[in-house]
């Protein structure tokens, strides 16, 4: 079963390919999405990564949460969705 992760604190330079490459060493990345401002197209500083397996997602969280990237500290956690 796949797991969706929230990734916060992203530098504005990060694109979806960069996010995929960051998470790939921890497992199979099913999808990566950087949220952007609809008017400017600039990153809003967060995104979502879907990992193929829950174990891979947990490994990515353990390895990447609180990691520094271009002077910003990443927050990586399980995505929370409200219905």
PDB file of N, CA and C in Angstrom:
ATOM      1  N   UNK A   1       0.837  -1.189   0.000  1.00  0.00           N
ATOM      2  CA  UNK A   1       0.000   0.000   0.000  1.00  0.00           C
ATOM      3  C   UNK A   1       0.880   1.251   0.000  1.00  0.00           C
ATOM      4  N   UNK A   2       0.556   2.215  -0.840  1.00  0.00           N
ATOM      5  CA  UNK A   2       1.360   3.417  -0.957  1.00  0.00           C
ATOM      6  C   UNK A   2       1.107   4.365   0.215  1.00  0.00           C
ATOM      7  N   UNK A   3       2.045   5.271   0.411  1.00  0.00           N
ATOM      8  CA  UNK A   3       1.933   6.271   1.462  1.00  0.00           C
ATOM      9  C   UNK A   3       2.243   7.636   0.879  1.00  0.00           C
ATOM     10  N   UNK A   4       1.410   8.610   1.208  1.00  0.00           N
ATOM     11  CA  UNK A   4       1.623   9.969   0.731  1.00  0.00           C
ATOM     12  C   UNK A   4       2.272  10.781   1.844  1.00  0.00           C
ATOM     13  N   UNK A   5       3.314  11.524   1.469  1.00  0.00           N
ATOM     14  CA  UNK A   5       4.065  12.323   2.410  1.00  0.00           C
ATOM     15  C   UNK A   5       3.930  13.806   2.103  1.00  0.00           C
ATOM     16  N   UNK A   6       3.866  14.604   3.150  1.00  0.00           N
ATOM     17  CA  UNK A   6       3.911  16.058   3.050  1.00  0.00           C
ATOM     18  C   UNK A   6       5.374  16.464   3.171  1.00  0.00           C
ATOM     19  N   UNK A   7       5.819  17.386   2.314  1.00  0.00           N
ATOM     20  CA  UNK A   7       7.185  17.889   2.373  1.00  0.00           C
ATOM     21  C   UNK A   7       7.105  19.412   2.437  1.00  0.00           C
ATOM     22  N   UNK A   8       7.488  19.978   3.585  1.00  0.00           N
ATOM     23  CA  UNK A   8       7.435  21.424   3.782  1.00  0.00           C
ATOM     24  C   UNK A   8       8.828  22.013   3.874  1.00  0.00           C
ATOM     25  N   UNK A   9       8.897  23.324   3.761  1.00  0.00           N
ATOM     26  CA  UNK A   9      10.175  24.021   3.851  1.00  0.00           C
ATOM     27  C   UNK A   9      11.000  23.947   2.586  1.00  0.00           C
ATOM     28  N   UNK A  10      10.355  23.662   1.473  1.00  0.00           N
ATOM     29  CA  UNK A  10      11.091  23.529   0.215  1.00  0.00           C
ATOM     30  C   UNK A  10      11.605  24.880  -0.278  1.00  0.00           C
ATOM     31  N   UNK A  11      12.840  24.935  -0.744  1.00  0.00           N
ATOM     32  CA  UNK A  11      13.334  26.150  -1.383  1.00  0.00           C
ATOM     33  C   UNK A  11      12.538  26.421  -2.665  1.00  0.00           C
ATOM     34  N   UNK A  12      12.452  27.675  -3.055  1.00  0.00           N
ATOM     35  CA  UNK A  12      11.657  28.028  -4.238  1.00  0.00           C
ATOM     36  C   UNK A  12      12.211  27.422  -5.519  1.00  0.00           C
ATOM     37  N   UNK A  13      13.475  27.013  -5.504  1.00  0.00           N
ATOM     38  CA  UNK A  13      14.109  26.446  -6.699  1.00  0.00           C
ATOM     39  C   UNK A  13      13.740  24.979  -6.947  1.00  0.00           C
ATOM     40  N   UNK A  14      13.123  24.324  -5.979  1.00  0.00           N
ATOM     41  CA  UNK A  14      12.835  22.893  -6.096  1.00  0.00           C
ATOM     42  C   UNK A  14      11.699  22.641  -7.083  1.00  0.00           C
ATOM     43  N   UNK A  15      11.956  21.700  -7.999  1.00  0.00           N
ATOM     44  CA  UNK A  15      10.945  21.268  -8.966  1.00  0.00           C
ATOM     45  C   UNK A  15      10.601  19.814  -8.684  1.00  0.00           C
ATOM     46  N   UNK A  16       9.608  19.303  -9.357  1.00  0.00           N
ATOM     47  CA  UNK A  16       9.150  17.935  -9.100  1.00  0.00           C
ATOM     48  C   UNK A  16      10.232  16.893  -9.358  1.00  0.00           C
ATOM     49  N   UNK A  17      11.063  17.096 -10.374  1.00  0.00           N
ATOM     50  CA  UNK A  17      12.150  16.163 -10.654  1.00  0.00           C
ATOM     51  C   UNK A  17      13.146  16.132  -9.494  1.00  0.00           C
ATOM     52  N   UNK A  18      13.457  17.297  -8.957  1.00  0.00           N
ATOM     53  CA  UNK A  18      14.368  17.381  -7.810  1.00  0.00           C
ATOM     54  C   UNK A  18      13.799  16.629  -6.616  1.00  0.00           C
ATOM     55  N   UNK A  19      12.507  16.791  -6.374  1.00  0.00           N
ATOM     56  CA  UNK A  19      11.835  16.115  -5.263  1.00  0.00           C
ATOM     57  C   UNK A  19      11.867  14.600  -5.467  1.00  0.00           C
ATOM     58  N   UNK A  20      11.628  14.153  -6.679  1.00  0.00           N
ATOM     59  CA  UNK A  20      11.696  12.726  -7.000  1.00  0.00           C
ATOM     60  C   UNK A  20      13.096  12.186  -6.741  1.00  0.00           C
ATOM     61  N   UNK A  21      14.104  12.916  -7.197  1.00  0.00           N
ATOM     62  CA  UNK A  21      15.492  12.475  -7.015  1.00  0.00           C
ATOM     63  C   UNK A  21      15.898  12.449  -5.542  1.00  0.00           C
ATOM     64  N   UNK A  22      15.361  13.353  -4.744  1.00  0.00           N
ATOM     65  CA  UNK A  22      15.656  13.397  -3.311  1.00  0.00           C
ATOM     66  C   UNK A  22      15.104  12.165  -2.591  1.00  0.00           C
ATOM     67  N   UNK A  23      13.917  11.717  -2.987  1.00  0.00           N
ATOM     68  CA  UNK A  23      13.253  10.604  -2.311  1.00  0.00           C
ATOM     69  C   UNK A  23      13.602   9.241  -2.904  1.00  0.00           C
ATOM     70  N   UNK A  24      14.053   9.185  -4.140  1.00  0.00           N
ATOM     71  CA  UNK A  24      14.324   7.921  -4.831  1.00  0.00           C
ATOM     72  C   UNK A  24      15.282   6.983  -4.099  1.00  0.00           C
ATOM     73  N   UNK A  25      16.327   7.460  -3.423  1.00  0.00           N
ATOM     74  CA  UNK A  25      17.212   6.526  -2.720  1.00  0.00           C
ATOM     75  C   UNK A  25      16.520   5.746  -1.588  1.00  0.00           C
ATOM     76  N   UNK A  26      15.333   6.193  -1.205  1.00  0.00           N
ATOM     77  CA  UNK A  26      14.618   5.562  -0.094  1.00  0.00           C
ATOM     78  C   UNK A  26      13.535   4.597  -0.568  1.00  0.00           C
ATOM     79  N   UNK A  27      13.313   4.522  -1.885  1.00  0.00           N
ATOM     80  CA  UNK A  27      12.322   3.600  -2.415  1.00  0.00           C
ATOM     81  C   UNK A  27      11.710   4.116  -3.702  1.00  0.00           C
ATOM     82  N   UNK A  28      10.680   3.447  -4.117  1.00  0.00           N
ATOM     83  CA  UNK A  28      10.011   3.772  -5.370  1.00  0.00           C
ATOM     84  C   UNK A  28       9.065   4.961  -5.190  1.00  0.00           C
ATOM     85  N   UNK A  29       9.329   6.024  -5.939  1.00  0.00           N
ATOM     86  CA  UNK A  29       8.498   7.223  -5.872  1.00  0.00           C
ATOM     87  C   UNK A  29       7.394   7.093  -6.921  1.00  0.00           C
ATOM     88  N   UNK A  30       6.155   7.000  -6.453  1.00  0.00           N
ATOM     89  CA  UNK A  30       5.018   6.873  -7.368  1.00  0.00           C
ATOM     90  C   UNK A  30       4.662   8.224  -7.989  1.00  0.00           C
ATOM     91  N   UNK A  31       4.805   9.300  -7.205  1.00  0.00           N
ATOM     92  CA  UNK A  31       4.533  10.633  -7.728  1.00  0.00           C
ATOM     93  C   UNK A  31       5.169  11.678  -6.824  1.00  0.00           C
ATOM     94  N   UNK A  32       5.445  12.836  -7.409  1.00  0.00           N
ATOM     95  CA  UNK A  32       5.969  13.979  -6.660  1.00  0.00           C
ATOM     96  C   UNK A  32       5.294  15.231  -7.213  1.00  0.00           C
ATOM     97  N   UNK A  33       4.848  16.087  -6.309  1.00  0.00           N
ATOM     98  CA  UNK A  33       4.132  17.289  -6.715  1.00  0.00           C
ATOM     99  C   UNK A  33       4.592  18.461  -5.858  1.00  0.00           C
ATOM    100  N   UNK A  34       5.049  19.526  -6.498  1.00  0.00           N
ATOM    101  CA  UNK A  34       5.397  20.760  -5.802  1.00  0.00           C
ATOM    102  C   UNK A  34       4.225  21.711  -6.015  1.00  0.00           C
ATOM    103  N   UNK A  35       3.681  22.223  -4.923  1.00  0.00           N
ATOM    104  CA  UNK A  35       2.544  23.132  -5.015  1.00  0.00           C
ATOM    105  C   UNK A  35       3.059  24.511  -5.430  1.00  0.00           C
ATOM    106  N   UNK A  36       2.378  25.111  -6.405  1.00  0.00           N
ATOM    107  CA  UNK A  36       2.801  26.403  -6.934  1.00  0.00           C
ATOM    108  C   UNK A  36       1.669  27.422  -6.845  1.00  0.00           C
ATOM    109  N   UNK A  37       2.043  28.689  -6.863  1.00  0.00           N
ATOM    110  CA  UNK A  37       1.095  29.778  -6.901  1.00  0.00           C
ATOM    111  C   UNK A  37       0.493  29.809  -8.302  1.00  0.00           C
ATOM    112  N   UNK A  38      -0.815  29.808  -8.395  1.00  0.00           N
ATOM    113  CA  UNK A  38      -1.486  29.754  -9.688  1.00  0.00           C
ATOM    114  C   UNK A  38      -1.191  30.969 -10.563  1.00  0.00           C
ATOM    115  N   UNK A  39      -0.957  32.115  -9.957  1.00  0.00           N
ATOM    116  CA  UNK A  39      -0.728  33.336 -10.731  1.00  0.00           C
ATOM    117  C   UNK A  39       0.726  33.507 -11.149  1.00  0.00           C
ATOM    118  N   UNK A  40       1.649  33.170 -10.257  1.00  0.00           N
ATOM    119  CA  UNK A  40       3.064  33.412 -10.551  1.00  0.00           C
ATOM    120  C   UNK A  40       3.804  32.159 -11.005  1.00  0.00           C
ATOM    121  N   UNK A  41       3.272  30.986 -10.675  1.00  0.00           N
ATOM    122  CA  UNK A  41       3.940  29.739 -11.019  1.00  0.00           C
ATOM    123  C   UNK A  41       5.086  29.393 -10.083  1.00  0.00           C
ATOM    124  N   UNK A  42       5.347  30.245  -9.075  1.00  0.00           N
ATOM    125  CA  UNK A  42       6.421  29.987  -8.125  1.00  0.00           C
ATOM    126  C   UNK A  42       5.993  28.975  -7.071  1.00  0.00           C
ATOM    127  N   UNK A  43       6.983  28.245  -6.570  1.00  0.00           N
ATOM    128  CA  UNK A  43       6.740  27.264  -5.518  1.00  0.00           C
ATOM    129  C   UNK A  43       6.143  27.943  -4.292  1.00  0.00           C
ATOM    130  N   UNK A  44       5.203  27.253  -3.653  1.00  0.00           N
ATOM    131  CA  UNK A  44       4.616  27.746  -2.411  1.00  0.00           C
ATOM    132  C   UNK A  44       5.392  27.215  -1.199  1.00  0.00           C
ATOM    133  N   UNK A  45       6.465  26.455  -1.455  1.00  0.00           N
ATOM    134  CA  UNK A  45       7.328  25.997  -0.370  1.00  0.00           C
ATOM    135  C   UNK A  45       6.951  24.648   0.220  1.00  0.00           C
ATOM    136  N   UNK A  46       6.002  23.978  -0.419  1.00  0.00           N
ATOM    137  CA  UNK A  46       5.651  22.639   0.053  1.00  0.00           C
ATOM    138  C   UNK A  46       5.174  21.783  -1.108  1.00  0.00           C
ATOM    139  N   UNK A  47       5.124  20.474  -0.847  1.00  0.00           N
ATOM    140  CA  UNK A  47       4.674  19.549  -1.871  1.00  0.00           C
ATOM    141  C   UNK A  47       4.320  18.211  -1.264  1.00  0.00           C
ATOM    142  N   UNK A  48       4.070  17.243  -2.124  1.00  0.00           N
ATOM    143  CA  UNK A  48       3.679  15.911  -1.696  1.00  0.00           C
ATOM    144  C   UNK A  48       4.438  14.869  -2.511  1.00  0.00           C
ATOM    145  N   UNK A  49       4.831  13.803  -1.837  1.00  0.00           N
ATOM    146  CA  UNK A  49       5.503  12.685  -2.487  1.00  0.00           C
ATOM    147  C   UNK A  49       4.747  11.421  -2.107  1.00  0.00           C
ATOM    148  N   UNK A  50       4.457  10.594  -3.100  1.00  0.00           N
ATOM    149  CA  UNK A  50       3.814   9.313  -2.835  1.00  0.00           C
ATOM    150  C   UNK A  50       4.843   8.215  -3.040  1.00  0.00           C
ATOM    151  N   UNK A  51       5.070   7.449  -1.989  1.00  0.00           N
ATOM    152  CA  UNK A  51       6.007   6.325  -2.030  1.00  0.00           C
ATOM    153  C   UNK A  51       5.198   5.046  -2.232  1.00  0.00           C
ATOM    154  N   UNK A  52       5.775   4.079  -2.941  1.00  0.00           N
ATOM    155  CA  UNK A  52       5.070   2.846  -3.274  1.00  0.00           C
ATOM    156  C   UNK A  52       4.721   2.002  -2.047  1.00  0.00           C
ATOM    157  N   UNK A  53       5.580   2.024  -1.034  1.00  0.00           N
ATOM    158  CA  UNK A  53       5.356   1.191   0.150  1.00  0.00           C
ATOM    159  C   UNK A  53       5.479   2.022   1.419  1.00  0.00           C
ATOM    160  N   UNK A  54       4.716   1.664   2.434  1.00  0.00           N
ATOM    161  CA  UNK A  54       4.748   2.373   3.713  1.00  0.00           C
ATOM    162  C   UNK A  54       6.130   2.313   4.354  1.00  0.00           C
ATOM    163  N   UNK A  55       6.815   1.180   4.218  1.00  0.00           N
ATOM    164  CA  UNK A  55       8.156   1.047   4.809  1.00  0.00           C
ATOM    165  C   UNK A  55       9.123   2.045   4.174  1.00  0.00           C
ATOM    166  N   UNK A  56       8.993   2.241   2.863  1.00  0.00           N
ATOM    167  CA  UNK A  56       9.854   3.191   2.160  1.00  0.00           C
ATOM    168  C   UNK A  56       9.556   4.616   2.616  1.00  0.00           C
ATOM    169  N   UNK A  57       8.285   4.905   2.809  1.00  0.00           N
ATOM    170  CA  UNK A  57       7.885   6.230   3.279  1.00  0.00           C
ATOM    171  C   UNK A  57       8.466   6.496   4.666  1.00  0.00           C
ATOM    172  N   UNK A  58       8.403   5.504   5.546  1.00  0.00           N
ATOM    173  CA  UNK A  58       8.945   5.660   6.898  1.00  0.00           C
ATOM    174  C   UNK A  58      10.452   5.887   6.867  1.00  0.00           C
ATOM    175  N   UNK A  59      11.144   5.198   5.974  1.00  0.00           N
ATOM    176  CA  UNK A  59      12.589   5.388   5.827  1.00  0.00           C
ATOM    177  C   UNK A  59      12.892   6.805   5.332  1.00  0.00           C
ATOM    178  N   UNK A  60      12.098   7.281   4.380  1.00  0.00           N
ATOM    179  CA  UNK A  60      12.294   8.636   3.857  1.00  0.00           C
ATOM    180  C   UNK A  60      12.064   9.678   4.949  1.00  0.00           C
ATOM    181  N   UNK A  61      11.037   9.487   5.758  1.00  0.00           N
ATOM    182  CA  UNK A  61      10.761  10.413   6.864  1.00  0.00           C
ATOM    183  C   UNK A  61      11.951  10.441   7.816  1.00  0.00           C
ATOM    184  N   UNK A  62      12.426   9.264   8.215  1.00  0.00           N
ATOM    185  CA  UNK A  62      13.545   9.175   9.162  1.00  0.00           C
ATOM    186  C   UNK A  62      14.805   9.839   8.610  1.00  0.00           C
ATOM    187  N   UNK A  63      15.038   9.716   7.313  1.00  0.00           N
ATOM    188  CA  UNK A  63      16.260  10.240   6.713  1.00  0.00           C
ATOM    189  C   UNK A  63      16.180  11.712   6.331  1.00  0.00           C
ATOM    190  N   UNK A  64      15.014  12.177   5.895  1.00  0.00           N
ATOM    191  CA  UNK A  64      14.927  13.506   5.300  1.00  0.00           C
ATOM    192  C   UNK A  64      14.303  14.581   6.189  1.00  0.00           C
ATOM    193  N   UNK A  65      13.531  14.192   7.203  1.00  0.00           N
ATOM    194  CA  UNK A  65      12.936  15.189   8.091  1.00  0.00           C
ATOM    195  C   UNK A  65      14.050  15.935   8.820  1.00  0.00           C
ATOM    196  N   UNK A  66      13.943  17.241   8.874  1.00  0.00           N
ATOM    197  CA  UNK A  66      14.925  18.144   9.495  1.00  0.00           C
ATOM    198  C   UNK A  66      16.222  18.267   8.699  1.00  0.00           C
ATOM    199  N   UNK A  67      16.252  17.747   7.475  1.00  0.00           N
ATOM    200  CA  UNK A  67      17.422  17.899   6.617  1.00  0.00           C
ATOM    201  C   UNK A  67      17.460  19.337   6.090  1.00  0.00           C
ATOM    202  N   UNK A  68      18.664  19.879   5.932  1.00  0.00           N
ATOM    203  CA  UNK A  68      18.794  21.215   5.372  1.00  0.00           C
ATOM    204  C   UNK A  68      18.969  21.124   3.861  1.00  0.00           C
ATOM    205  N   UNK A  69      18.247  21.986   3.156  1.00  0.00           N
ATOM    206  CA  UNK A  69      18.332  22.039   1.694  1.00  0.00           C
ATOM    207  C   UNK A  69      18.342  23.507   1.280  1.00  0.00           C
ATOM    208  N   UNK A  70      19.438  23.946   0.707  1.00  0.00           N
ATOM    209  CA  UNK A  70      19.581  25.346   0.265  1.00  0.00           C
ATOM    210  C   UNK A  70      19.229  26.336   1.380  1.00  0.00           C
ATOM    211  N   UNK A  71      19.691  26.054   2.597  1.00  0.00           N
ATOM    212  CA  UNK A  71      19.471  26.958   3.717  1.00  0.00           C
ATOM    213  C   UNK A  71      18.114  26.857   4.381  1.00  0.00           C
ATOM    214  N   UNK A  72      17.295  25.914   3.950  1.00  0.00           N
ATOM    215  CA  UNK A  72      15.960  25.726   4.545  1.00  0.00           C
ATOM    216  C   UNK A  72      15.893  24.344   5.176  1.00  0.00           C
ATOM    217  N   UNK A  73      15.160  24.222   6.263  1.00  0.00           N
ATOM    218  CA  UNK A  73      15.002  22.945   6.946  1.00  0.00           C
ATOM    219  C   UNK A  73      13.718  22.275   6.474  1.00  0.00           C
ATOM    220  N   UNK A  74      13.853  21.064   5.944  1.00  0.00           N
ATOM    221  CA  UNK A  74      12.699  20.335   5.435  1.00  0.00           C
ATOM    222  C   UNK A  74      11.890  19.714   6.566  1.00  0.00           C
ATOM    223  N   UNK A  75      10.594  19.676   6.380  1.00  0.00           N
ATOM    224  CA  UNK A  75       9.680  18.944   7.242  1.00  0.00           C
ATOM    225  C   UNK A  75       9.088  17.835   6.375  1.00  0.00           C
ATOM    226  N   UNK A  76       9.304  16.589   6.778  1.00  0.00           N
ATOM    227  CA  UNK A  76       8.771  15.451   6.031  1.00  0.00           C
ATOM    228  C   UNK A  76       7.959  14.612   7.009  1.00  0.00           C
ATOM    229  N   UNK A  77       6.678  14.431   6.686  1.00  0.00           N
ATOM    230  CA  UNK A  77       5.801  13.643   7.552  1.00  0.00           C
ATOM    231  C   UNK A  77       4.688  13.034   6.715  1.00  0.00           C
ATOM    232  N   UNK A  78       3.970  12.132   7.310  1.00  0.00           N
ATOM    233  CA  UNK A  78       2.828  11.538   6.638  1.00  0.00           C
ATOM    234  C   UNK A  78       1.809  12.636   6.361  1.00  0.00           C
ATOM    235  N   UNK A  79       1.272  12.655   5.155  1.00  0.00           N
ATOM    236  CA  UNK A  79       0.292  13.680   4.787  1.00  0.00           C
ATOM    237  C   UNK A  79      -1.009  13.438   5.536  1.00  0.00           C
ATOM    238  N   UNK A  80      -1.606  14.514   6.005  1.00  0.00           N
ATOM    239  CA  UNK A  80      -2.889  14.448   6.720  1.00  0.00           C
ATOM    240  C   UNK A  80      -3.946  15.054   5.813  1.00  0.00           C
ATOM    241  N   UNK A  81      -4.993  14.321   5.569  1.00  0.00           N
ATOM    242  CA  UNK A  81      -6.068  14.831   4.721  1.00  0.00           C
ATOM    243  C   UNK A  81      -7.333  14.943   5.541  1.00  0.00           C
ATOM    244  N   UNK A  82      -8.012  16.080   5.388  1.00  0.00           N
ATOM    245  CA  UNK A  82      -9.284  16.259   6.067  1.00  0.00           C
ATOM    246  C   UNK A  82     -10.396  16.019   5.062  1.00  0.00           C
ATOM    247  N   UNK A  83     -11.406  15.320   5.499  1.00  0.00           N
ATOM    248  CA  UNK A  83     -12.543  15.010   4.610  1.00  0.00           C
ATOM    249  C   UNK A  83     -13.704  15.895   4.917  1.00  0.00           C
TER     250      UNK A  83
END
